[in-house]
Amino acid sequence: MPPRKSRATSFQVARLAGVSQPSVSRAFTPGASISKEKRDKILAAAKELNYVPNVFASSLSSARSNMVAVISGSLSNPFYSESMQVFIEQFQDAGRQVLAFSVEANRDCDEALMLAMRYPVDGIVVTSASMSSEVVRMSEGLGIPIVMYNRRVVGSNLANVRCDHEEGGARIGRFMHAAGARSFLIVRGDPQGSSSGDRERGFREAVERLGTRGIEDLAGGSSYSGARNAMIRYFGGPAPHFPDAIFAVNDIMAIACADVLREIHGLRIPEDIMLAGFDGIREGQRPAYGLTTVRQPIERMVRETLELLALDGGPIPNGDRKARLIPGDFIPGKTVPGLAAGT
């Protein structure tokens, strides 16, 4: 491999163009005041020297890198990949770049947080798993704000933006009950995840208030493979007993449930068994599934996460609320029959 060439500097561009070094900086800053003639001269010199601005060098003088770390749940879950896409788009529109990290299900994110803090990031967004109080204190000591996305840390004062998971789960429970379901199976997600727990609790309390008891559950691991394997084991006997309805606490697990019920047991959805998920991912709305679900308003959630980071140093809009609870959008779908009023 040939040795890497040293980068041209803004001072070299300034000398070649016959301008000051601050003029070079303005030429590469969107919206900065500089004449077209001078900008063209600078860009021509930059092209000749193969010059591009060094973001890290710029951050030394501004004390800001315009980089934000996003620590995501496993990107094999389409909800996280869809969210990451929106984060990248909205941060780039704001003139910032994303430094991305992924954490597998059922793992804490301390290691990813420690790695992120090695970089000169202006803020950190955490979309998955739990973290230790020691790491949180370290980020506070470094002056790096952290905002939780789509979850909360129980007992923590960390800012968070999340969908109203509890009410969303309750809405699905009421909808299934109104459609005639009286026996239920909940496919649980990450045991450390506040979102999964809130959805399960909302669903369970709603159907219990309607008189249903003895709700069963199984651990689906928050993934397609985890839910599929769990369903195969659970209904693996010679004469499996199926409930009236299954609520998987995320869509990717609901898709796995649908595949097992149809392919292995030959059941029709919703004629033989009702099914619902949560998240509103694109795959779940394809004609093969048409899931009944609650769609998380990703665009709004990401926008409010950016507000809470307050990276420009201004006041946080919408008052001083460090916790933003946003209603989800209920999608009746076609995996629960009928549209019951008042659900």
Protein backbone atom coordinates (compact mmCIF):
# COMPACT_ATOMS: atom_id res chain seq x y z
CA MET A 1 0.00 0.00 0.00
CA PRO A 2 1.49 3.39 -0.98
CA PRO A 3 2.18 5.83 1.87
CA ARG A 4 -0.68 8.18 2.64
CA LYS A 5 -0.13 11.73 1.39
CA SER A 6 -0.26 14.60 3.85
CA ARG A 7 -3.38 16.77 3.64
CA ALA A 8 -3.21 20.25 2.18
CA THR A 9 -4.00 22.96 4.73
CA SER A 10 -6.27 25.99 4.54
CA PHE A 11 -3.15 28.18 4.82
CA GLN A 12 -1.71 26.63 1.63
CA VAL A 13 -5.00 27.23 -0.17
CA ALA A 14 -5.02 30.83 1.06
CA ARG A 15 -1.48 31.43 -0.28
CA LEU A 16 -2.28 29.92 -3.68
CA ALA A 17 -5.53 31.88 -3.99
CA GLY A 18 -4.00 35.08 -2.64
CA VAL A 19 -6.56 35.47 0.15
CA SER A 20 -6.60 35.26 3.94
CA GLN A 21 -7.04 31.97 5.77
CA PRO A 22 -10.40 33.08 7.30
CA SER A 23 -11.64 33.64 3.73
CA VAL A 24 -10.93 29.96 3.00
CA SER A 25 -12.98 28.97 6.03
CA ARG A 26 -15.88 31.17 4.91
CA ALA A 27 -15.75 29.67 1.39
CA PHE A 28 -16.49 26.24 2.85
CA THR A 29 -19.12 27.42 5.36
CA PRO A 30 -22.70 27.35 4.03
CA GLY A 31 -24.33 30.77 4.23
CA ALA A 32 -21.11 32.60 5.12
CA SER A 33 -20.57 36.10 3.69
CA ILE A 34 -18.08 35.96 0.80
CA SER A 35 -18.15 37.23 -2.78
CA LYS A 36 -18.70 34.79 -5.64
CA GLU A 37 -15.44 35.88 -7.27
CA LYS A 38 -13.41 35.17 -4.14
CA ARG A 39 -15.19 31.84 -3.47
CA ASP A 40 -14.53 30.68 -7.04
CA LYS A 41 -10.85 31.59 -6.70
CA ILE A 42 -10.58 29.68 -3.42
CA LEU A 43 -12.41 26.61 -4.77
CA ALA A 44 -10.11 26.53 -7.80
CA ALA A 45 -7.05 26.61 -5.52
CA ALA A 46 -8.57 23.93 -3.30
CA LYS A 47 -9.19 21.70 -6.30
CA GLU A 48 -5.59 22.11 -7.46
CA LEU A 49 -4.29 21.12 -4.01
CA ASN A 50 -6.91 18.39 -3.40
CA TYR A 51 -7.97 20.27 -0.28
CA VAL A 52 -11.03 19.47 1.81
CA PRO A 53 -11.73 20.99 5.25
CA ASN A 54 -10.65 18.93 8.26
CA VAL A 55 -13.65 18.63 10.57
CA PHE A 56 -11.55 17.61 13.58
CA ALA A 57 -9.19 20.55 13.13
CA SER A 58 -12.16 22.91 12.93
CA SER A 59 -13.56 21.51 16.16
CA LEU A 60 -10.40 22.52 18.04
CA SER A 61 -11.09 26.19 17.47
CA SER A 62 -14.89 26.07 17.78
CA ALA A 63 -15.01 23.64 20.75
CA ARG A 64 -17.68 21.77 18.78
CA SER A 65 -17.20 18.83 16.43
CA ASN A 66 -20.77 18.85 15.04
CA MET A 67 -20.73 15.07 15.56
CA VAL A 68 -23.38 13.21 17.53
CA ALA A 69 -23.08 9.57 18.59
CA VAL A 70 -26.16 7.39 18.14
CA ILE A 71 -26.06 4.10 20.03
CA SER A 72 -28.68 1.92 18.41
CA GLY A 73 -30.32 -1.39 19.14
CA SER A 74 -29.56 -4.22 16.73
CA LEU A 75 -30.00 -3.00 13.16
CA SER A 76 -31.46 -6.41 12.28
CA ASN A 77 -34.64 -4.99 13.84
CA PRO A 78 -36.13 -2.76 11.11
CA PHE A 79 -37.40 -0.25 13.67
CA TYR A 80 -33.83 0.67 14.61
CA SER A 81 -32.62 0.82 11.01
CA GLU A 82 -35.59 3.07 10.09
CA SER A 83 -34.85 5.28 13.11
CA MET A 84 -31.15 5.46 12.23
CA GLN A 85 -32.01 6.62 8.73
CA VAL A 86 -34.14 9.46 10.11
CA PHE A 87 -31.44 10.42 12.65
CA ILE A 88 -28.85 10.66 9.87
CA GLU A 89 -31.15 12.73 7.65
CA GLN A 90 -32.18 15.16 10.40
CA PHE A 91 -28.67 15.59 11.82
CA GLN A 92 -27.26 16.19 8.34
CA ASP A 93 -29.98 18.76 7.64
CA ALA A 94 -28.81 20.51 10.83
CA GLY A 95 -25.17 20.45 9.62
CA ARG A 96 -24.11 17.59 11.87
CA GLN A 97 -22.81 14.08 11.30
CA VAL A 98 -23.69 10.81 13.02
CA LEU A 99 -21.19 8.46 14.62
CA ALA A 100 -23.13 5.18 14.78
CA PHE A 101 -22.79 2.26 17.21
CA SER A 102 -24.95 -0.87 17.46
CA VAL A 103 -25.68 -2.94 20.57
CA GLU A 104 -27.17 -6.42 20.35
CA ALA A 105 -30.37 -7.26 22.22
CA ASN A 106 -30.13 -8.18 25.92
CA ARG A 107 -26.78 -6.35 26.35
CA ASP A 108 -26.05 -3.09 28.13
CA CYS A 109 -24.48 -0.23 26.23
CA ASP A 110 -21.68 0.78 28.62
CA GLU A 111 -18.96 -0.42 26.24
CA ALA A 112 -20.44 1.51 23.30
CA LEU A 113 -20.86 4.61 25.47
CA MET A 114 -17.24 4.46 26.60
CA LEU A 115 -16.13 4.13 22.99
CA ALA A 116 -18.33 7.04 21.88
CA MET A 117 -16.86 9.29 24.57
CA ARG A 118 -13.38 8.77 23.12
CA TYR A 119 -14.50 10.95 20.22
CA PRO A 120 -15.18 14.70 20.45
CA VAL A 121 -18.95 14.23 20.16
CA ASP A 122 -21.30 17.06 21.09
CA GLY A 123 -24.01 14.71 22.35
CA ILE A 124 -25.09 11.07 22.59
CA VAL A 125 -28.44 9.47 21.72
CA VAL A 126 -29.09 6.03 23.23
CA THR A 127 -31.83 3.94 21.65
CA SER A 128 -31.13 0.59 23.30
CA ALA A 129 -30.31 -1.31 26.44
CA SER A 130 -29.39 -0.12 29.90
CA MET A 131 -26.36 1.72 31.18
CA SER A 132 -24.55 2.04 34.51
CA SER A 133 -24.73 5.16 36.67
CA GLU A 134 -20.92 5.39 36.54
CA VAL A 135 -20.93 5.89 32.77
CA VAL A 136 -23.72 8.46 33.04
CA ARG A 137 -21.68 10.41 35.63
CA MET A 138 -18.65 10.25 33.35
CA SER A 139 -20.59 11.78 30.46
CA GLU A 140 -21.88 14.52 32.76
CA GLY A 141 -18.33 15.25 33.89
CA LEU A 142 -17.26 15.61 30.26
CA GLY A 143 -20.21 17.90 29.53
CA ILE A 144 -21.68 15.50 26.95
CA PRO A 145 -25.51 15.44 27.07
CA ILE A 146 -27.28 12.08 26.73
CA VAL A 147 -30.87 11.66 25.56
CA MET A 148 -32.66 8.32 25.64
CA TYR A 149 -34.68 7.56 22.51
CA ASN A 150 -37.69 5.25 22.66
CA ARG A 151 -36.93 4.23 26.24
CA ARG A 152 -36.23 5.44 29.74
CA VAL A 153 -33.90 4.45 32.54
CA VAL A 154 -36.02 3.76 35.62
CA GLY A 155 -34.86 5.85 38.58
CA SER A 156 -32.73 8.10 36.36
CA ASN A 157 -33.10 11.79 35.56
CA LEU A 158 -31.86 11.29 32.00
CA ALA A 159 -33.79 13.16 29.32
CA ASN A 160 -35.87 10.84 27.18
CA VAL A 161 -38.22 10.82 24.21
CA ARG A 162 -40.47 7.82 23.84
CA CYS A 163 -43.73 6.61 22.41
CA ASP A 164 -46.55 6.03 24.91
CA HIS A 165 -45.86 2.29 24.98
CA GLU A 166 -48.20 1.55 27.86
CA GLU A 167 -51.24 3.17 26.24
CA GLY A 168 -50.34 1.60 22.89
CA GLY A 169 -50.31 -1.87 24.45
CA ALA A 170 -53.59 -1.13 26.20
CA ARG A 171 -55.18 0.01 22.93
CA ILE A 172 -54.26 -3.29 21.26
CA GLY A 173 -55.59 -5.27 24.23
CA ARG A 174 -58.94 -3.46 24.15
CA PHE A 175 -59.16 -3.89 20.38
CA MET A 176 -58.56 -7.65 20.55
CA HIS A 177 -61.05 -8.04 23.38
CA ALA A 178 -63.70 -6.10 21.46
CA ALA A 179 -63.09 -8.43 18.50
CA GLY A 180 -63.95 -11.42 20.69
CA ALA A 181 -60.60 -12.61 22.08
CA ARG A 182 -60.76 -14.04 25.61
CA SER A 183 -57.49 -15.99 25.88
CA PHE A 184 -54.15 -14.34 25.17
CA LEU A 185 -50.47 -15.06 24.70
CA ILE A 186 -47.90 -12.26 25.07
CA VAL A 187 -44.56 -12.67 23.27
CA ARG A 188 -42.21 -10.66 25.47
CA GLY A 189 -39.10 -8.77 24.36
CA ASP A 190 -35.83 -7.67 25.97
CA PRO A 191 -36.20 -8.19 29.74
CA GLN A 192 -33.99 -5.11 30.32
CA GLY A 193 -35.97 -2.93 27.92
CA SER A 194 -38.35 -0.40 29.45
CA SER A 195 -40.29 -0.19 26.16
CA SER A 196 -41.06 -3.92 26.05
CA GLY A 197 -42.09 -3.91 29.70
CA ASP A 198 -44.35 -0.88 29.30
CA ARG A 199 -46.12 -2.41 26.29
CA GLU A 200 -46.67 -5.72 28.06
CA ARG A 201 -47.93 -4.02 31.21
CA GLY A 202 -50.36 -1.80 29.30
CA PHE A 203 -51.76 -4.76 27.36
CA ARG A 204 -52.04 -7.03 30.38
CA GLU A 205 -53.73 -4.45 32.62
CA ALA A 206 -56.20 -3.49 29.88
CA VAL A 207 -57.46 -7.03 29.24
CA GLU A 208 -57.49 -7.86 32.94
CA ARG A 209 -59.71 -4.82 33.59
CA LEU A 210 -62.07 -6.30 31.00
CA GLY A 211 -62.33 -9.50 33.02
CA THR A 212 -59.69 -11.72 31.42
CA ARG A 213 -57.37 -13.74 33.67
CA GLY A 214 -54.61 -16.27 33.15
CA ILE A 215 -52.77 -14.52 30.35
CA GLU A 216 -49.82 -16.63 29.23
CA ASP A 217 -46.47 -15.37 27.97
CA LEU A 218 -43.18 -16.49 26.46
CA ALA A 219 -39.80 -14.84 25.88
CA GLY A 220 -39.21 -13.90 22.24
CA GLY A 221 -35.86 -12.19 22.62
CA SER A 222 -36.96 -9.09 20.64
CA SER A 223 -35.83 -10.74 17.37
CA TYR A 224 -37.32 -12.72 14.49
CA SER A 225 -35.25 -15.83 15.21
CA GLY A 226 -35.86 -15.62 18.96
CA ALA A 227 -39.63 -15.38 18.54
CA ARG A 228 -39.76 -18.04 15.84
CA ASN A 229 -37.82 -20.56 17.94
CA ALA A 230 -39.89 -19.73 21.02
CA MET A 231 -43.15 -20.24 19.12
CA ILE A 232 -41.98 -23.57 17.69
CA ARG A 233 -41.09 -24.83 21.17
CA TYR A 234 -44.24 -23.47 22.80
CA PHE A 235 -46.64 -25.05 20.32
CA GLY A 236 -44.49 -28.10 19.62
CA GLY A 237 -46.63 -30.75 21.26
CA PRO A 238 -48.83 -33.28 19.44
CA ALA A 239 -52.04 -31.35 20.15
CA PRO A 240 -51.11 -27.70 20.79
CA HIS A 241 -53.72 -25.45 22.38
CA PHE A 242 -53.83 -22.03 20.74
CA PRO A 243 -55.11 -18.86 22.40
CA ASP A 244 -57.63 -16.57 20.75
CA ALA A 245 -55.00 -13.86 20.26
CA ILE A 246 -51.24 -13.27 20.36
CA PHE A 247 -49.66 -9.90 21.15
CA ALA A 248 -45.97 -9.69 20.23
CA VAL A 249 -44.42 -6.58 21.77
CA ASN A 250 -42.68 -5.65 18.52
CA ASP A 251 -43.52 -6.15 14.85
CA ILE A 252 -40.49 -8.23 13.92
CA MET A 253 -41.58 -10.84 16.49
CA ALA A 254 -45.19 -10.62 15.29
CA ILE A 255 -43.96 -11.42 11.76
CA ALA A 256 -42.16 -14.48 13.13
CA CYS A 257 -45.35 -15.55 14.91
CA ALA A 258 -47.35 -15.20 11.69
CA ASP A 259 -44.86 -17.33 9.78
CA VAL A 260 -44.92 -20.12 12.37
CA LEU A 261 -48.72 -20.13 12.71
CA ARG A 262 -49.23 -20.32 8.94
CA GLU A 263 -46.32 -22.46 7.76
CA ILE A 264 -46.14 -25.02 10.57
CA HIS A 265 -49.69 -25.15 11.94
CA GLY A 266 -51.73 -24.10 8.91
CA LEU A 267 -53.70 -21.48 10.85
CA ARG A 268 -55.46 -18.55 9.24
CA ILE A 269 -54.99 -15.02 10.60
CA PRO A 270 -57.32 -13.62 11.88
CA GLU A 271 -59.97 -16.29 11.20
CA ASP A 272 -58.33 -18.91 13.47
CA ILE A 273 -56.16 -16.70 15.66
CA MET A 274 -55.68 -12.93 16.08
CA LEU A 275 -52.25 -11.33 16.02
CA ALA A 276 -50.84 -7.87 16.75
CA GLY A 277 -47.42 -6.25 17.05
CA PHE A 278 -45.98 -2.85 17.90
CA ASP A 279 -43.72 -0.35 16.02
CA GLY A 280 -45.37 0.00 12.60
CA ILE A 281 -42.34 -1.11 10.57
CA ARG A 282 -42.64 -1.21 6.77
CA GLU A 283 -42.27 -5.00 6.57
CA GLY A 284 -45.27 -5.51 8.83
CA GLN A 285 -47.51 -3.43 6.58
CA ARG A 286 -46.75 -5.41 3.43
CA PRO A 287 -49.76 -7.33 1.99
CA ALA A 288 -48.44 -10.68 3.26
CA TYR A 289 -48.90 -9.47 6.85
CA GLY A 290 -50.94 -6.27 7.18
CA LEU A 291 -50.26 -6.28 10.92
CA THR A 292 -52.53 -4.73 13.48
CA THR A 293 -50.03 -2.57 15.35
CA VAL A 294 -49.13 0.78 16.87
CA ARG A 295 -46.82 2.85 14.70
CA GLN A 296 -44.20 4.83 16.52
CA PRO A 297 -44.00 8.41 15.11
CA ILE A 298 -40.28 8.20 14.29
CA GLU A 299 -39.98 11.59 12.57
CA ARG A 300 -41.47 13.46 15.53
CA MET A 301 -39.56 11.41 18.09
CA VAL A 302 -36.23 12.11 16.38
CA ARG A 303 -37.07 15.82 16.06
CA GLU A 304 -37.85 16.10 19.77
CA THR A 305 -34.68 14.17 20.62
CA LEU A 306 -32.69 16.84 18.77
CA GLU A 307 -34.54 19.52 20.72
CA LEU A 308 -33.63 17.94 24.06
CA LEU A 309 -29.96 17.66 23.07
CA ALA A 310 -29.96 21.48 22.68
CA LEU A 311 -26.72 21.31 20.69
CA ASP A 312 -26.88 24.98 19.71
CA GLY A 313 -26.77 26.02 23.35
CA GLY A 314 -30.16 27.73 23.23
CA PRO A 315 -33.17 27.10 25.47
CA ILE A 316 -35.01 23.80 25.07
CA PRO A 317 -38.30 24.37 23.19
CA ASN A 318 -41.62 23.25 24.69
CA GLY A 319 -40.64 24.37 28.15
CA ASP A 320 -38.15 22.44 30.25
CA ARG A 321 -39.64 18.96 29.85
CA LYS A 322 -36.89 16.38 30.01
CA ALA A 323 -39.34 13.55 29.31
CA ARG A 324 -41.40 13.61 26.13
CA LEU A 325 -44.20 11.02 25.94
CA ILE A 326 -45.65 10.89 22.42
CA PRO A 327 -48.84 9.03 21.42
CA GLY A 328 -48.43 6.21 18.90
CA ASP A 329 -50.65 5.83 15.82
CA PHE A 330 -52.99 2.84 16.04
CA ILE A 331 -53.19 0.81 12.80
CA PRO A 332 -56.16 -1.63 12.73
CA GLY A 333 -54.51 -3.76 10.03
CA LYS A 334 -56.04 -7.06 8.94
CA THR A 335 -54.75 -9.47 11.62
CA VAL A 336 -57.55 -8.61 14.07
CA PRO A 337 -61.08 -8.78 12.61
CA GLY A 338 -63.42 -5.80 12.51
CA LEU A 339 -63.09 -2.25 13.75
CA ALA A 340 -64.60 -2.01 17.22
CA ALA A 341 -65.72 1.45 18.26
CA GLY A 342 -64.38 3.01 21.42
CA THR A 343 -61.13 1.02 21.52
